Amino acid sequence: MSRRIHRLAFALCLALAAPLAHAGEDISKVNGSIEAAAGQHYRDLETVNGSIRIGDGTQARDASTVNGSITVGDRAQVDGLETVNGAIRLGTGVKVSSGIETVNGSVFADRGSVVGGDIETVNGAIGLVGTELAGGIETLNGDVTVGIGSRVKGGITIERNTGWFQGKGRRDPRVVIGPGAVVEGPLVFKREVHLHVHRSARIGPLTGAEARIYDTDTAPQD
């Protein structure tokens, strides 16, 4: 994870937590959730133990937590989103100028969202619907769905499952490239996956898997 997560851990040494902030200020906590009001402007939103909820139409810089989810309302604009243990969910028309990162948690982006960097997880599914992703997708154990009308300008990489991440009974990830979706970069699978590609989708060079083509609205079950 990035340096921001380490900075959050350092916040545990702080005795002061600010529960509220005026528009354009930072909100920083050790224990507790953060509510960024709809339509307001903020700088960084940071907590260690708590979720972050960003309201509709809100503008903020980075939003980061260690133990908690991040939910971003419709038409909000943020720089980057990071958590360690928690899901990240974007509403419709959200703009994220850099990337999205979580270790244990899923990522979902709804229609009209634009993400300017990569989306990364370790143990968590990634799902896009009608979303533009300027970077790529990377995961270790998560399923990936590039849903209807989505475009991924980078590629998709699923890393090899080794070391302490390799748990008994883990199933192979499922990767679905949906109707009208485009993955411009290479698809690189360093472990076994179940890959389903809609006939109307377009993908880049493929390594490590064989694509199963489907024509229905939803991908068949493995």
Protein backbone atom coordinates (compact mmCIF):
# COMPACT_ATOMS: atom_id res chain seq x y z
CA MET A 1 0.00 0.00 0.00
CA SER A 2 1.09 3.62 -0.45
CA ARG A 3 2.79 5.95 2.00
CA ARG A 4 -0.60 7.38 2.94
CA ILE A 5 -1.53 4.20 4.80
CA HIS A 6 1.68 4.41 6.81
CA ARG A 7 0.83 8.01 7.61
CA LEU A 8 -2.56 6.89 8.86
CA ALA A 9 -0.95 4.38 11.18
CA PHE A 10 1.17 7.18 12.57
CA ALA A 11 -2.07 8.99 13.44
CA LEU A 12 -2.62 6.40 16.17
CA CYS A 13 -0.06 8.32 18.17
CA LEU A 14 -2.22 11.42 18.11
CA ALA A 15 -4.52 12.20 21.00
CA LEU A 16 -6.63 14.71 19.16
CA ALA A 17 -9.40 13.81 16.70
CA ALA A 18 -11.35 16.49 14.88
CA PRO A 19 -15.00 15.44 14.47
CA LEU A 20 -15.98 18.25 12.10
CA ALA A 21 -14.29 20.59 9.68
CA HIS A 22 -15.30 23.69 7.79
CA ALA A 23 -15.44 23.60 4.01
CA GLY A 24 -11.97 23.35 2.47
CA GLU A 25 -10.35 21.92 5.60
CA ASP A 26 -8.97 18.49 6.43
CA ILE A 27 -10.86 15.98 8.55
CA SER A 28 -8.55 13.66 10.49
CA LYS A 29 -9.56 11.10 13.11
CA VAL A 30 -8.18 8.10 14.92
CA ASN A 31 -11.46 6.42 15.90
CA GLY A 32 -14.70 7.29 14.21
CA SER A 33 -16.40 7.58 10.86
CA ILE A 34 -16.35 10.67 8.63
CA GLU A 35 -19.36 12.23 6.91
CA ALA A 36 -18.47 14.69 4.16
CA ALA A 37 -21.62 16.70 3.54
CA ALA A 38 -23.19 16.82 0.10
CA GLY A 39 -22.06 19.64 -2.16
CA GLN A 40 -19.23 20.81 0.12
CA HIS A 41 -15.49 21.18 -0.49
CA TYR A 42 -12.87 19.40 1.64
CA ARG A 43 -9.20 18.69 1.58
CA ASP A 44 -7.98 15.27 2.88
CA LEU A 45 -10.38 12.93 4.70
CA GLU A 46 -8.49 10.52 6.96
CA THR A 47 -9.42 8.10 9.71
CA VAL A 48 -7.90 4.93 11.13
CA ASN A 49 -10.87 3.05 12.56
CA GLY A 50 -13.98 4.17 10.77
CA SER A 51 -15.77 4.44 7.46
CA ILE A 52 -15.88 7.46 5.16
CA ARG A 53 -19.03 8.62 3.40
CA ILE A 54 -18.71 11.35 0.78
CA GLY A 55 -21.97 13.06 -0.16
CA ASP A 56 -23.43 13.75 -3.59
CA GLY A 57 -21.61 16.48 -5.49
CA THR A 58 -18.89 16.81 -2.85
CA GLN A 59 -15.30 17.67 -3.78
CA ALA A 60 -12.34 16.38 -1.76
CA ARG A 61 -8.72 15.42 -2.10
CA ASP A 62 -7.66 11.97 -0.88
CA ALA A 63 -9.94 9.84 1.30
CA SER A 64 -8.14 7.18 3.34
CA THR A 65 -8.91 4.76 6.16
CA VAL A 66 -7.40 1.60 7.58
CA ASN A 67 -10.41 -0.23 9.00
CA GLY A 68 -13.52 0.92 7.23
CA SER A 69 -15.33 1.29 3.94
CA ILE A 70 -15.47 4.32 1.63
CA THR A 71 -18.70 5.31 -0.11
CA VAL A 72 -18.72 8.11 -2.67
CA GLY A 73 -21.98 9.76 -3.66
CA ASP A 74 -23.18 10.63 -7.15
CA ARG A 75 -21.23 13.27 -9.09
CA ALA A 76 -18.61 13.66 -6.35
CA GLN A 77 -15.01 14.47 -7.26
CA VAL A 78 -12.00 13.15 -5.34
CA ASP A 79 -8.28 12.71 -5.94
CA GLY A 80 -7.70 9.18 -4.60
CA LEU A 81 -9.33 6.51 -2.43
CA GLU A 82 -7.54 4.01 -0.17
CA THR A 83 -8.44 1.57 2.56
CA VAL A 84 -6.91 -1.59 4.00
CA ASN A 85 -9.91 -3.46 5.40
CA GLY A 86 -13.05 -2.28 3.70
CA ALA A 87 -14.96 -1.91 0.45
CA ILE A 88 -14.94 1.12 -1.85
CA ARG A 89 -18.09 2.03 -3.74
CA LEU A 90 -18.64 4.84 -6.25
CA GLY A 91 -22.04 6.19 -7.21
CA THR A 92 -22.93 7.45 -10.66
CA GLY A 93 -20.87 10.09 -12.43
CA VAL A 94 -18.04 10.07 -9.88
CA LYS A 95 -14.63 11.42 -10.90
CA VAL A 96 -11.48 10.03 -9.23
CA SER A 97 -8.40 11.79 -10.59
CA SER A 98 -5.83 9.19 -9.46
CA GLY A 99 -6.33 5.59 -8.30
CA ILE A 100 -8.34 3.33 -6.01
CA GLU A 101 -6.70 0.82 -3.68
CA THR A 102 -7.81 -1.68 -1.04
CA VAL A 103 -6.34 -4.85 0.45
CA ASN A 104 -9.33 -6.71 1.91
CA GLY A 105 -12.44 -5.37 0.26
CA SER A 106 -14.27 -4.97 -3.01
CA VAL A 107 -14.36 -2.02 -5.43
CA PHE A 108 -17.44 -1.05 -7.44
CA ALA A 109 -17.87 1.90 -9.83
CA ASP A 110 -21.29 2.77 -11.22
CA ARG A 111 -22.32 4.30 -14.54
CA GLY A 112 -20.62 7.43 -15.79
CA SER A 113 -17.72 7.24 -13.36
CA VAL A 114 -14.20 8.13 -14.49
CA VAL A 115 -11.07 6.89 -12.70
CA GLY A 116 -7.75 8.46 -13.72
CA GLY A 117 -5.42 5.77 -12.37
CA ASP A 118 -5.36 2.08 -11.47
CA ILE A 119 -7.74 -0.02 -9.39
CA GLU A 120 -5.98 -2.50 -7.10
CA THR A 121 -7.11 -5.08 -4.56
CA VAL A 122 -5.60 -8.15 -2.92
CA ASN A 123 -8.68 -9.96 -1.61
CA GLY A 124 -11.67 -8.28 -3.13
CA ALA A 125 -13.81 -8.25 -6.27
CA ILE A 126 -13.64 -5.38 -8.76
CA GLY A 127 -16.74 -4.37 -10.71
CA LEU A 128 -17.27 -1.62 -13.28
CA VAL A 129 -20.50 -0.57 -14.98
CA GLY A 130 -20.32 2.06 -17.71
CA THR A 131 -17.04 3.30 -16.25
CA GLU A 132 -13.90 4.77 -17.88
CA LEU A 133 -10.64 3.63 -16.29
CA ALA A 134 -7.47 5.35 -17.51
CA GLY A 135 -5.19 2.84 -15.80
CA GLY A 136 -5.37 -0.90 -15.29
CA ILE A 137 -6.85 -3.45 -12.92
CA GLU A 138 -4.72 -5.60 -10.62
CA THR A 139 -5.75 -8.18 -8.03
CA LEU A 140 -4.59 -11.39 -6.42
CA ASN A 141 -7.71 -13.25 -5.29
CA GLY A 142 -10.58 -11.08 -6.50
CA ASP A 143 -13.13 -11.57 -9.25
CA VAL A 144 -13.15 -8.91 -11.99
CA THR A 145 -16.16 -7.70 -13.95
CA VAL A 146 -15.66 -5.09 -16.66
CA GLY A 147 -19.38 -4.54 -17.14
CA ILE A 148 -21.50 -3.28 -19.98
CA GLY A 149 -20.09 -0.26 -21.78
CA SER A 150 -16.98 0.06 -19.60
CA ARG A 151 -13.54 0.91 -20.99
CA VAL A 152 -10.25 -0.02 -19.35
CA LYS A 153 -7.34 1.71 -21.09
CA GLY A 154 -4.74 -0.28 -19.19
CA GLY A 155 -4.86 -4.04 -18.86
CA ILE A 156 -5.94 -6.60 -16.30
CA THR A 157 -3.39 -8.49 -14.20
CA ILE A 158 -4.12 -11.27 -11.74
CA GLU A 159 -1.01 -12.11 -9.78
CA ARG A 160 0.16 -15.56 -8.74
CA ASN A 161 -1.23 -16.68 -5.39
CA THR A 162 1.81 -17.53 -3.26
CA GLY A 163 3.08 -17.19 0.29
CA TRP A 164 0.79 -16.23 3.14
CA PHE A 165 -1.93 -15.08 0.69
CA GLN A 166 -2.44 -18.64 -0.49
CA GLY A 167 -5.19 -20.14 1.66
CA LYS A 168 -6.63 -23.62 1.39
CA GLY A 169 -9.90 -23.88 -0.47
CA ARG A 170 -9.54 -20.62 -2.39
CA ARG A 171 -11.34 -20.84 -5.71
CA ASP A 172 -9.99 -19.54 -8.99
CA PRO A 173 -10.97 -15.94 -9.79
CA ARG A 174 -13.76 -15.28 -12.28
CA VAL A 175 -13.14 -12.59 -14.92
CA VAL A 176 -16.02 -11.27 -17.04
CA ILE A 177 -15.72 -8.77 -19.91
CA GLY A 178 -19.32 -7.74 -20.55
CA PRO A 179 -21.35 -6.52 -23.53
CA GLY A 180 -19.74 -3.60 -25.35
CA ALA A 181 -16.86 -3.45 -22.85
CA VAL A 182 -13.30 -2.69 -23.97
CA VAL A 183 -9.99 -3.63 -22.35
CA GLU A 184 -7.29 -1.96 -24.44
CA GLY A 185 -4.22 -3.25 -22.59
CA PRO A 186 -2.95 -6.80 -22.10
CA LEU A 187 -4.77 -9.35 -19.97
CA VAL A 188 -2.13 -11.22 -17.96
CA PHE A 189 -3.17 -14.08 -15.71
CA LYS A 190 -0.43 -15.59 -13.56
CA ARG A 191 -2.78 -18.15 -12.00
CA GLU A 192 -5.81 -20.13 -13.12
CA VAL A 193 -8.88 -18.02 -13.87
CA HIS A 194 -12.31 -18.48 -15.44
CA LEU A 195 -12.43 -15.92 -18.27
CA HIS A 196 -15.72 -15.03 -20.01
CA VAL A 197 -15.71 -12.48 -22.85
CA HIS A 198 -18.90 -11.24 -24.52
CA ARG A 199 -18.90 -11.47 -28.30
CA SER A 200 -19.40 -7.71 -28.58
CA ALA A 201 -16.47 -6.90 -26.25
CA ARG A 202 -12.90 -6.12 -27.31
CA ILE A 203 -9.78 -7.12 -25.42
CA GLY A 204 -6.04 -6.70 -25.79
CA PRO A 205 -3.39 -9.44 -25.93
CA LEU A 206 -4.21 -12.42 -23.69
CA THR A 207 -1.72 -14.43 -21.65
CA GLY A 208 -2.35 -17.28 -19.21
CA ALA A 209 -6.00 -18.11 -19.95
CA GLU A 210 -8.39 -19.10 -22.70
CA ALA A 211 -11.40 -16.86 -23.27
CA ARG A 212 -14.86 -18.40 -23.28
CA ILE A 213 -17.08 -16.40 -25.63
CA TYR A 214 -20.72 -15.84 -24.68
CA ASP A 215 -23.70 -14.07 -26.32
CA THR A 216 -26.20 -13.76 -23.48
CA ASP A 217 -26.87 -10.70 -21.29
CA THR A 218 -25.00 -12.28 -18.41
CA ALA A 219 -21.99 -14.59 -18.38
CA PRO A 220 -22.63 -18.29 -17.80
CA GLN A 221 -21.78 -19.82 -14.47
CA ASP A 222 -18.48 -21.67 -14.25
